[in-house]
N, C-alpha and C. Protein backbone atom coordinates (compact mmCIF):
# COMPACT_ATOMS: atom_id res chain seq x y z
N MET A 1 0.85 -1.17 0.00
CA MET A 1 0.00 0.00 0.00
C MET A 1 0.90 1.24 0.00
N PRO A 2 0.64 2.17 -0.89
CA PRO A 2 1.45 3.39 -0.91
C PRO A 2 1.32 4.16 0.40
N PHE A 3 2.35 4.92 0.67
CA PHE A 3 2.41 5.66 1.93
C PHE A 3 1.23 6.61 2.11
N SER A 4 0.81 7.31 1.06
CA SER A 4 -0.27 8.28 1.18
C SER A 4 -1.60 7.59 1.54
N LYS A 5 -1.83 6.41 0.97
CA LYS A 5 -3.06 5.68 1.30
C LYS A 5 -3.02 5.20 2.75
N HIS A 6 -1.84 4.74 3.17
CA HIS A 6 -1.67 4.28 4.55
C HIS A 6 -1.92 5.44 5.51
N CYS A 7 -1.39 6.61 5.20
CA CYS A 7 -1.58 7.80 6.03
C CYS A 7 -3.05 8.18 6.08
N HIS A 8 -3.71 8.11 4.94
CA HIS A 8 -5.12 8.44 4.88
C HIS A 8 -5.93 7.48 5.76
N CYS A 9 -5.61 6.20 5.73
CA CYS A 9 -6.31 5.21 6.57
C CYS A 9 -6.11 5.51 8.04
N LEU A 10 -4.91 5.87 8.41
CA LEU A 10 -4.64 6.20 9.81
C LEU A 10 -5.41 7.45 10.24
N GLN A 11 -5.49 8.43 9.35
CA GLN A 11 -6.24 9.64 9.67
C GLN A 11 -7.73 9.33 9.84
N GLU A 12 -8.26 8.50 8.97
CA GLU A 12 -9.67 8.11 9.08
C GLU A 12 -9.93 7.36 10.38
N LYS A 13 -9.02 6.46 10.73
CA LYS A 13 -9.18 5.70 11.96
C LYS A 13 -9.14 6.63 13.17
N GLU A 14 -8.24 7.59 13.14
CA GLU A 14 -8.13 8.55 14.23
C GLU A 14 -9.41 9.40 14.34
N LYS A 15 -9.97 9.81 13.21
CA LYS A 15 -11.21 10.57 13.21
C LYS A 15 -12.35 9.75 13.82
N ARG A 16 -12.43 8.46 13.44
CA ARG A 16 -13.48 7.59 13.99
C ARG A 16 -13.31 7.44 15.49
N CYS A 17 -12.08 7.28 15.96
CA CYS A 17 -11.83 7.14 17.40
C CYS A 17 -12.22 8.40 18.14
N GLU A 18 -11.89 9.56 17.59
CA GLU A 18 -12.25 10.82 18.23
C GLU A 18 -13.77 11.00 18.28
N GLU A 19 -14.46 10.64 17.19
CA GLU A 19 -15.91 10.74 17.15
C GLU A 19 -16.54 9.80 18.17
N LEU A 20 -16.02 8.59 18.27
CA LEU A 20 -16.52 7.63 19.25
C LEU A 20 -16.32 8.15 20.67
N LYS A 21 -15.17 8.72 20.94
CA LYS A 21 -14.89 9.29 22.26
C LYS A 21 -15.86 10.43 22.56
N ARG A 22 -16.13 11.27 21.56
CA ARG A 22 -17.06 12.38 21.73
C ARG A 22 -18.47 11.86 22.03
N LEU A 23 -18.89 10.83 21.30
CA LEU A 23 -20.23 10.27 21.51
C LEU A 23 -20.36 9.61 22.89
N LYS A 24 -19.30 8.93 23.33
CA LYS A 24 -19.32 8.32 24.66
C LYS A 24 -19.44 9.38 25.74
N ASN A 25 -18.71 10.47 25.59
CA ASN A 25 -18.79 11.56 26.58
C ASN A 25 -20.17 12.20 26.58
N LEU A 26 -20.77 12.34 25.39
CA LEU A 26 -22.11 12.89 25.29
C LEU A 26 -23.12 11.99 26.00
N LYS A 27 -23.02 10.67 25.78
CA LYS A 27 -23.93 9.72 26.41
C LYS A 27 -23.73 9.73 27.93
N LYS A 28 -22.49 9.81 28.37
CA LYS A 28 -22.20 9.86 29.80
C LYS A 28 -22.84 11.10 30.42
N ARG A 29 -22.74 12.24 29.73
CA ARG A 29 -23.33 13.48 30.22
C ARG A 29 -24.86 13.34 30.32
N GLU A 30 -25.47 12.69 29.33
CA GLU A 30 -26.91 12.46 29.35
C GLU A 30 -27.30 11.62 30.57
N ILE A 31 -26.55 10.58 30.83
CA ILE A 31 -26.84 9.69 31.96
C ILE A 31 -26.70 10.45 33.28
N LEU A 32 -25.63 11.23 33.40
CA LEU A 32 -25.42 11.99 34.63
C LEU A 32 -26.52 13.05 34.82
N ASP A 33 -26.98 13.65 33.73
CA ASP A 33 -28.09 14.61 33.82
C ASP A 33 -29.37 13.92 34.28
N LYS A 34 -29.60 12.71 33.80
CA LYS A 34 -30.79 11.95 34.22
C LYS A 34 -30.71 11.59 35.69
N ILE A 35 -29.52 11.26 36.16
CA ILE A 35 -29.33 10.96 37.58
C ILE A 35 -29.67 12.20 38.41
N GLU A 36 -29.23 13.36 37.96
CA GLU A 36 -29.53 14.60 38.68
C GLU A 36 -31.04 14.86 38.70
N LYS A 37 -31.72 14.61 37.59
CA LYS A 37 -33.17 14.79 37.55
C LYS A 37 -33.87 13.83 38.51
N LEU A 38 -33.38 12.59 38.57
CA LEU A 38 -33.95 11.62 39.52
C LEU A 38 -33.78 12.09 40.95
N LYS A 39 -32.61 12.64 41.24
CA LYS A 39 -32.36 13.15 42.59
C LYS A 39 -33.31 14.29 42.91
N ASP A 40 -33.53 15.17 41.93
CA ASP A 40 -34.44 16.30 42.14
C ASP A 40 -35.86 15.82 42.37
N VAL A 41 -36.31 14.87 41.56
CA VAL A 41 -37.68 14.38 41.65
C VAL A 41 -37.92 13.63 42.96
N THR A 42 -36.96 12.82 43.36
CA THR A 42 -37.14 12.01 44.57
C THR A 42 -36.82 12.79 45.84
N GLY A 43 -36.16 13.94 45.67
CA GLY A 43 -35.82 14.74 46.84
C GLY A 43 -34.69 14.16 47.65
N GLY A 44 -34.03 13.19 47.10
CA GLY A 44 -32.93 12.55 47.83
C GLY A 44 -31.61 12.74 47.12
N THR A 45 -30.57 12.41 47.84
CA THR A 45 -29.24 12.51 47.24
C THR A 45 -28.83 11.19 46.62
N GLY A 46 -29.47 10.11 47.03
CA GLY A 46 -29.11 8.81 46.49
C GLY A 46 -30.23 8.22 45.68
N VAL A 47 -29.87 7.65 44.55
CA VAL A 47 -30.87 6.98 43.72
C VAL A 47 -30.48 5.52 43.51
N GLY A 48 -29.64 5.00 44.40
CA GLY A 48 -29.26 3.60 44.31
C GLY A 48 -27.95 3.35 43.60
N PHE A 49 -27.41 4.39 42.97
CA PHE A 49 -26.10 4.27 42.33
C PHE A 49 -25.46 5.64 42.30
N THR A 50 -24.17 5.66 42.05
CA THR A 50 -23.41 6.89 42.10
C THR A 50 -22.78 7.18 40.75
N GLU A 51 -22.15 8.33 40.66
CA GLU A 51 -21.45 8.70 39.42
C GLU A 51 -20.35 7.68 39.12
N GLU A 52 -19.74 7.13 40.16
CA GLU A 52 -18.68 6.13 39.95
C GLU A 52 -19.22 4.89 39.25
N ASP A 53 -20.52 4.61 39.45
CA ASP A 53 -21.11 3.44 38.82
C ASP A 53 -21.19 3.57 37.30
N VAL A 54 -21.20 4.79 36.79
CA VAL A 54 -21.26 4.97 35.34
C VAL A 54 -19.89 5.26 34.74
N GLU A 55 -18.86 5.31 35.56
CA GLU A 55 -17.50 5.51 35.08
C GLU A 55 -16.92 4.19 34.61
N GLY A 56 -16.00 4.24 33.70
CA GLY A 56 -15.27 3.06 33.27
C GLY A 56 -16.09 2.11 32.43
N GLU A 57 -15.52 0.95 32.21
CA GLU A 57 -16.15 -0.07 31.38
C GLU A 57 -17.14 -0.89 32.20
N PHE A 58 -18.13 -1.41 31.52
CA PHE A 58 -19.15 -2.24 32.15
C PHE A 58 -18.56 -3.61 32.46
N ASP A 59 -18.70 -4.05 33.71
CA ASP A 59 -18.23 -5.36 34.13
C ASP A 59 -19.45 -6.19 34.51
N GLU A 60 -19.78 -7.15 33.67
CA GLU A 60 -21.00 -7.93 33.85
C GLU A 60 -20.99 -8.69 35.18
N ARG A 61 -19.86 -9.28 35.53
CA ARG A 61 -19.79 -10.03 36.79
C ARG A 61 -19.99 -9.13 38.00
N GLU A 62 -19.37 -7.96 37.96
CA GLU A 62 -19.51 -7.02 39.07
C GLU A 62 -20.96 -6.53 39.17
N TYR A 63 -21.59 -6.29 38.03
CA TYR A 63 -22.99 -5.87 38.01
C TYR A 63 -23.89 -6.96 38.60
N ASP A 64 -23.65 -8.22 38.22
CA ASP A 64 -24.45 -9.33 38.74
C ASP A 64 -24.33 -9.43 40.26
N LYS A 65 -23.10 -9.27 40.77
CA LYS A 65 -22.89 -9.32 42.22
C LYS A 65 -23.65 -8.19 42.91
N MET A 66 -23.56 -6.99 42.35
CA MET A 66 -24.23 -5.84 42.94
C MET A 66 -25.75 -6.06 42.95
N MET A 67 -26.30 -6.57 41.86
CA MET A 67 -27.75 -6.77 41.77
C MET A 67 -28.22 -7.86 42.74
N LYS A 68 -27.42 -8.90 42.94
CA LYS A 68 -27.79 -9.93 43.91
C LYS A 68 -27.91 -9.34 45.31
N VAL A 69 -26.95 -8.49 45.67
CA VAL A 69 -26.98 -7.86 46.98
C VAL A 69 -28.20 -6.95 47.10
N LYS A 70 -28.44 -6.13 46.08
CA LYS A 70 -29.58 -5.20 46.14
C LYS A 70 -30.90 -5.97 46.20
N CYS A 71 -31.01 -7.06 45.46
CA CYS A 71 -32.24 -7.86 45.49
C CYS A 71 -32.43 -8.51 46.85
N LEU A 72 -31.36 -9.03 47.44
CA LEU A 72 -31.47 -9.62 48.77
C LEU A 72 -31.92 -8.59 49.80
N VAL A 73 -31.35 -7.41 49.74
CA VAL A 73 -31.74 -6.35 50.67
C VAL A 73 -33.20 -6.00 50.46
N PHE A 74 -33.61 -5.82 49.22
CA PHE A 74 -34.99 -5.47 48.91
C PHE A 74 -35.95 -6.53 49.43
N PHE A 75 -35.68 -7.80 49.15
CA PHE A 75 -36.58 -8.85 49.58
C PHE A 75 -36.58 -9.03 51.10
N ASN A 76 -35.46 -8.77 51.74
CA ASN A 76 -35.43 -8.81 53.21
C ASN A 76 -36.31 -7.72 53.79
N ILE A 77 -36.29 -6.55 53.19
CA ILE A 77 -37.14 -5.45 53.66
C ILE A 77 -38.60 -5.81 53.47
N ILE A 78 -38.95 -6.30 52.29
CA ILE A 78 -40.33 -6.67 52.00
C ILE A 78 -40.79 -7.78 52.94
N PHE A 79 -39.94 -8.77 53.15
CA PHE A 79 -40.27 -9.87 54.04
C PHE A 79 -40.50 -9.37 55.47
N SER A 80 -39.63 -8.45 55.93
CA SER A 80 -39.77 -7.89 57.27
C SER A 80 -41.09 -7.14 57.40
N LEU A 81 -41.44 -6.37 56.39
CA LEU A 81 -42.70 -5.64 56.42
C LEU A 81 -43.87 -6.60 56.46
N PHE A 82 -43.79 -7.67 55.71
CA PHE A 82 -44.86 -8.66 55.67
C PHE A 82 -45.04 -9.32 57.03
N LEU A 83 -43.94 -9.63 57.72
CA LEU A 83 -44.02 -10.27 59.03
C LEU A 83 -44.60 -9.33 60.08
N ASN A 84 -44.45 -8.03 59.88
CA ASN A 84 -44.95 -7.05 60.86
C ASN A 84 -46.39 -6.66 60.64
N LEU A 85 -47.06 -7.24 59.65
CA LEU A 85 -48.46 -6.90 59.40
C LEU A 85 -49.38 -7.45 60.45
């Protein structure tokens, strides 16, 4: 492949990477804005997750562990309420 074509391919790849990075940052901003709206609507500071939860790459195993804990806590609360009726 001639040098100019190779350079052009690298430039195109770099443009795609920059656009992807821009889109990811835009999506992250949208998510963080929605979290703020949830906080405003609920009147609380916590909505069950933090800004750190949306940082970095998605880890399916870590998410599964977190959801198991949250589900156990939720069902324990519901069960406790049921027993107190």
